[in-house]
Protein backbone atom coordinates (compact mmCIF):
# COMPACT_ATOMS: atom_id res chain seq x y z
CA MET A 1 -0.54 -6.64 -8.17
CA CYS A 2 -1.46 -3.21 -6.81
CA GLY A 3 -0.43 -0.34 -9.28
CA ARG A 4 -2.72 2.54 -8.25
CA TYR A 5 -4.61 3.45 -5.03
CA THR A 6 -6.53 6.26 -3.69
CA LEU A 7 -6.34 8.44 -0.35
CA GLY A 8 -8.79 11.20 -0.24
CA ARG A 9 -8.90 11.65 3.42
CA GLU A 10 -7.71 14.73 5.34
CA PRO A 11 -4.64 14.18 7.72
CA ASP A 12 -7.14 14.36 10.72
CA SER A 13 -8.58 11.17 9.56
CA LEU A 14 -5.39 9.38 9.59
CA LEU A 15 -4.62 10.89 13.00
CA ASP A 16 -7.62 9.62 14.38
CA TYR A 17 -8.09 6.09 12.71
CA PHE A 18 -4.37 5.09 13.28
CA HIS A 19 -3.92 6.73 16.91
CA LEU A 20 -0.85 8.52 15.71
CA HIS A 21 1.58 10.33 17.99
CA GLY A 22 2.87 13.80 16.65
CA GLU A 23 1.66 15.55 13.49
CA VAL A 24 0.74 14.20 10.33
CA PRO A 25 3.20 15.74 7.62
CA VAL A 26 1.11 17.58 4.72
CA TYR A 27 0.16 15.39 1.97
CA HIS A 28 -1.73 15.70 -1.28
CA LEU A 29 -5.07 14.21 -1.30
CA SER A 30 -5.16 11.81 -4.31
CA TYR A 31 -7.72 9.59 -6.33
CA ASN A 32 -4.83 8.23 -8.40
CA ILE A 33 -1.83 7.49 -6.48
CA ALA A 34 1.02 6.16 -8.84
CA PRO A 35 4.29 4.54 -8.39
CA SER A 36 7.18 7.12 -7.45
CA GLN A 37 4.89 9.40 -6.07
CA THR A 38 5.36 10.50 -2.22
CA VAL A 39 2.73 9.61 0.05
CA PRO A 40 2.00 9.08 3.77
CA VAL A 41 3.00 5.77 5.34
CA ILE A 42 2.59 4.60 9.15
CA VAL A 43 5.53 3.05 10.95
CA GLN A 44 6.52 2.52 14.61
CA ASP A 45 8.90 4.87 16.26
CA VAL A 46 11.66 3.93 18.71
CA ASN A 47 9.23 4.46 21.60
CA HIS A 48 6.84 2.04 20.05
CA ASN A 49 4.33 4.67 19.04
CA ARG A 50 2.59 4.98 15.52
CA GLU A 51 4.13 7.92 13.43
CA CYS A 52 3.31 9.15 9.99
CA ARG A 53 6.33 9.78 7.30
CA LEU A 54 6.19 10.41 3.75
CA MET A 55 7.69 8.07 1.34
CA ARG A 56 8.10 7.33 -2.15
CA TRP A 57 6.35 4.34 -3.46
CA GLY A 58 9.00 1.88 -5.11
CA LEU A 59 11.30 0.44 -2.55
CA VAL A 60 15.01 0.93 -3.03
CA PRO A 61 16.97 -1.63 -0.69
CA HIS A 62 19.22 0.12 1.89
CA TRP A 63 22.13 -1.86 0.33
CA ALA A 64 21.74 -0.51 -3.24
CA LYS A 65 24.67 1.33 -4.70
CA GLN A 66 22.44 3.77 -6.43
CA VAL A 67 18.78 4.80 -6.98
CA ASP A 68 17.75 2.93 -10.25
CA THR A 69 14.55 4.29 -11.53
CA ARG A 70 14.47 1.44 -14.26
CA PHE A 71 13.28 -0.83 -11.65
CA ARG A 72 10.39 0.09 -9.43
CA MET A 73 9.75 -2.38 -6.69
CA ILE A 74 6.30 -1.37 -6.01
CA ASN A 75 4.85 -4.72 -4.98
CA ALA A 76 6.20 -7.59 -2.90
CA ARG A 77 4.65 -11.02 -3.02
CA CYS A 78 3.67 -12.27 0.45
CA GLU A 79 4.81 -15.80 -0.60
CA THR A 80 8.38 -14.72 -1.14
CA VAL A 81 8.78 -11.47 0.77
CA ALA A 82 10.67 -13.17 3.89
CA GLN A 83 13.32 -14.87 1.39
CA LYS A 84 13.92 -12.37 -1.41
CA PRO A 85 17.10 -10.31 -0.76
CA ALA A 86 15.56 -7.24 -1.96
CA TYR A 87 12.78 -7.43 0.60
CA ARG A 88 13.93 -9.89 3.40
CA ASP A 89 15.60 -7.05 5.57
CA ALA A 90 12.78 -4.93 5.34
CA PHE A 91 10.29 -7.86 6.10
CA ARG A 92 12.40 -8.68 9.17
CA SER A 93 12.37 -5.22 10.77
CA SER A 94 10.85 -2.39 8.72
CA ARG A 95 7.23 -2.97 7.98
CA CYS A 96 4.47 -0.37 7.71
CA LEU A 97 0.95 0.45 7.23
CA VAL A 98 -0.05 2.06 3.86
CA PRO A 99 -3.23 4.02 4.25
CA ALA A 100 -5.89 3.91 1.60
CA ASP A 101 -9.53 4.11 0.93
CA GLY A 102 -9.58 2.29 -2.30
CA PHE A 103 -7.46 0.62 -5.18
CA TYR A 104 -7.80 0.21 -8.88
CA GLU A 105 -7.54 -3.18 -10.65
CA TRP A 106 -7.80 -3.85 -14.45
CA GLN A 107 -9.92 -6.81 -15.86
CA GLN A 108 -9.06 -7.95 -19.54
CA THR A 109 -12.12 -7.80 -21.84
CA ALA A 110 -12.84 -7.95 -25.37
CA ASP A 111 -12.40 -4.26 -25.78
CA GLY A 112 -9.37 -3.91 -23.93
CA LYS A 113 -8.63 -3.68 -20.05
CA GLN A 114 -11.47 -2.31 -17.99
CA PRO A 115 -10.36 -0.46 -14.71
CA PHE A 116 -12.35 -1.15 -11.55
CA TYR A 117 -12.65 0.64 -8.28
CA ILE A 118 -12.40 -1.62 -5.26
CA TYR A 119 -13.01 -0.51 -1.76
CA LYS A 120 -14.40 -1.63 1.73
CA SER A 121 -18.02 -2.24 1.59
CA ASP A 122 -18.43 0.32 4.44
CA ASN A 123 -16.37 3.02 2.71
CA ALA A 124 -13.83 2.78 5.83
CA LEU A 125 -10.27 3.76 5.71
CA PHE A 126 -7.95 0.75 5.74
CA ALA A 127 -4.34 -0.17 5.84
CA MET A 128 -2.55 -2.23 3.29
CA ALA A 129 0.52 -4.22 4.48
CA GLY A 130 3.88 -2.77 3.40
CA VAL A 131 7.53 -2.73 3.99
CA TRP A 132 9.80 0.08 3.94
CA SER A 133 13.54 0.95 3.61
CA LYS A 134 15.90 3.87 4.07
CA TRP A 135 18.51 4.36 1.43
CA GLN A 136 21.30 6.80 2.20
CA SER A 137 24.30 8.38 0.40
CA THR A 138 26.79 11.01 1.44
CA ASP A 139 24.46 13.82 0.57
CA ASN A 140 20.91 12.24 0.33
CA GLN A 141 18.31 10.09 2.04
CA LEU A 142 15.34 8.51 0.53
CA LEU A 143 12.39 6.63 2.32
CA THR A 144 10.66 4.13 -0.04
CA PHE A 145 8.11 1.41 0.34
CA SER A 146 6.53 -1.46 -1.34
CA ILE A 147 2.97 -2.85 -1.00
CA LEU A 148 2.61 -6.53 -0.29
CA THR A 149 0.29 -8.67 -2.47
CA THR A 150 -1.30 -11.84 -2.12
CA PRO A 151 -3.42 -14.30 -4.15
CA ALA A 152 -6.98 -12.70 -4.77
CA ASN A 153 -9.79 -13.74 -2.49
CA THR A 154 -12.98 -15.09 -4.09
CA PHE A 155 -14.59 -11.73 -4.44
CA MET A 156 -11.43 -10.36 -6.48
CA GLN A 157 -10.74 -13.47 -8.78
CA SER A 158 -13.17 -12.19 -11.49
CA ILE A 159 -11.00 -9.03 -11.87
CA HIS A 160 -7.44 -10.14 -11.21
CA GLU A 161 -5.38 -13.13 -9.79
CA ARG A 162 -3.85 -10.92 -7.05
CA MET A 163 -4.70 -8.16 -4.53
CA PRO A 164 -2.90 -6.09 -2.00
CA VAL A 165 -2.85 -7.40 1.57
CA ILE A 166 -5.40 -5.56 3.67
CA LEU A 167 -4.69 -6.05 7.28
CA SER A 168 -7.10 -6.40 10.04
CA GLU A 169 -6.97 -3.26 12.46
CA PRO A 170 -6.41 -5.48 15.52
CA ASP A 171 -3.06 -6.80 13.85
CA TYR A 172 -1.80 -3.38 13.14
CA ASP A 173 0.58 -3.21 16.41
CA ALA A 174 2.09 -6.56 15.69
CA TRP A 175 2.53 -5.88 12.09
CA LEU A 176 4.60 -2.72 12.92
CA ASP A 177 6.51 -4.32 15.69
CA PRO A 178 10.01 -5.34 14.77
CA GLN A 179 9.93 -8.15 17.51
CA THR A 180 6.71 -10.03 16.09
CA ASN A 181 7.52 -13.67 15.21
CA GLN A 182 7.73 -14.38 11.61
CA GLN A 183 5.26 -17.10 11.43
CA VAL A 184 2.73 -14.68 13.37
CA LEU A 185 3.42 -12.08 10.40
CA LEU A 186 2.81 -14.77 7.67
CA ASP A 187 -0.35 -15.66 9.19
CA MET A 188 -1.49 -12.14 9.16
CA LEU A 189 -1.17 -12.11 5.45
CA GLN A 190 -4.12 -14.36 5.04
CA ALA A 191 -6.48 -12.02 6.94
CA HIS A 192 -7.54 -10.23 3.62
CA LYS A 193 -9.73 -13.24 2.70
CA GLN A 194 -12.25 -12.06 5.42
CA VAL A 195 -12.51 -8.38 4.28
CA GLU A 196 -15.74 -7.22 2.84
CA LEU A 197 -15.01 -5.38 -0.38
CA ALA A 198 -17.17 -3.73 -3.04
CA MET A 199 -16.51 -2.84 -6.61
CA HIS A 200 -17.60 -0.90 -9.74
CA PRO A 201 -16.16 -0.09 -13.08
CA VAL A 202 -14.61 3.35 -13.62
CA SER A 203 -13.36 5.32 -16.42
CA LYS A 204 -10.40 4.63 -18.60
CA ALA A 205 -9.10 8.13 -17.61
CA VAL A 206 -7.47 6.57 -14.32
CA ASN A 207 -5.13 4.91 -16.96
CA SER A 208 -3.04 8.27 -16.84
CA PRO A 209 -1.36 9.35 -13.62
CA ASP A 210 -1.97 12.85 -14.96
CA ASN A 211 -5.63 12.54 -14.15
CA ASP A 212 -6.28 13.18 -10.33
CA THR A 213 -9.70 14.14 -9.54
CA LYS A 214 -12.75 12.48 -7.24
CA SER A 215 -14.59 11.96 -10.73
CA LEU A 216 -12.08 8.90 -11.35
CA ILE A 217 -13.89 6.67 -8.53
CA LYS A 218 -17.26 7.27 -9.94
CA ALA A 219 -19.18 4.18 -11.43
CA VAL A 220 -19.44 4.07 -15.22
CA GLY A 221 -22.26 2.29 -16.97
């Protein structure tokens, strides 16, 4: 799964990397993004341009009668995202890119769970595959998203059995396009196996979402 990630890049970085149309909304740089927080997400607008919107992490299906905070749909499994009622509409027509510069995963050890920070080996910005939804009532509108996960690649298997889907940059437009063939989309979800990653253990301070400083990503002995 993916339960925490980081985005410590300024809005101009997102604007340049994703070739965005329009301004990037103001957001909080974070080294410990947790479920239910509002963060920048990249979508395709009606003119087929990439734009950035702020969304809450934890998908609420558009057909839900109410927002139920007891259930936080933060991850969608790539093996079932096209079939599960909670996700299939979003997978069909409302896909997104979730900007990140790293994510956390926990390894079970004799001393408890040890957090690790995982990032691209070149420290570059990247995009995790996501699906999003617009939930609306008579007096409220809520944009929410989930991050897709997949079986861990060889590099990640020593830490955890699953990992977020990291899309290849040439696939961004096709992922965002509602007209892309479903089989093409499913094939994209395997590209994570080719991504070169690095990792190191970090402080257990990351366990609390109240902690949010750059020191969280620093390696510990």
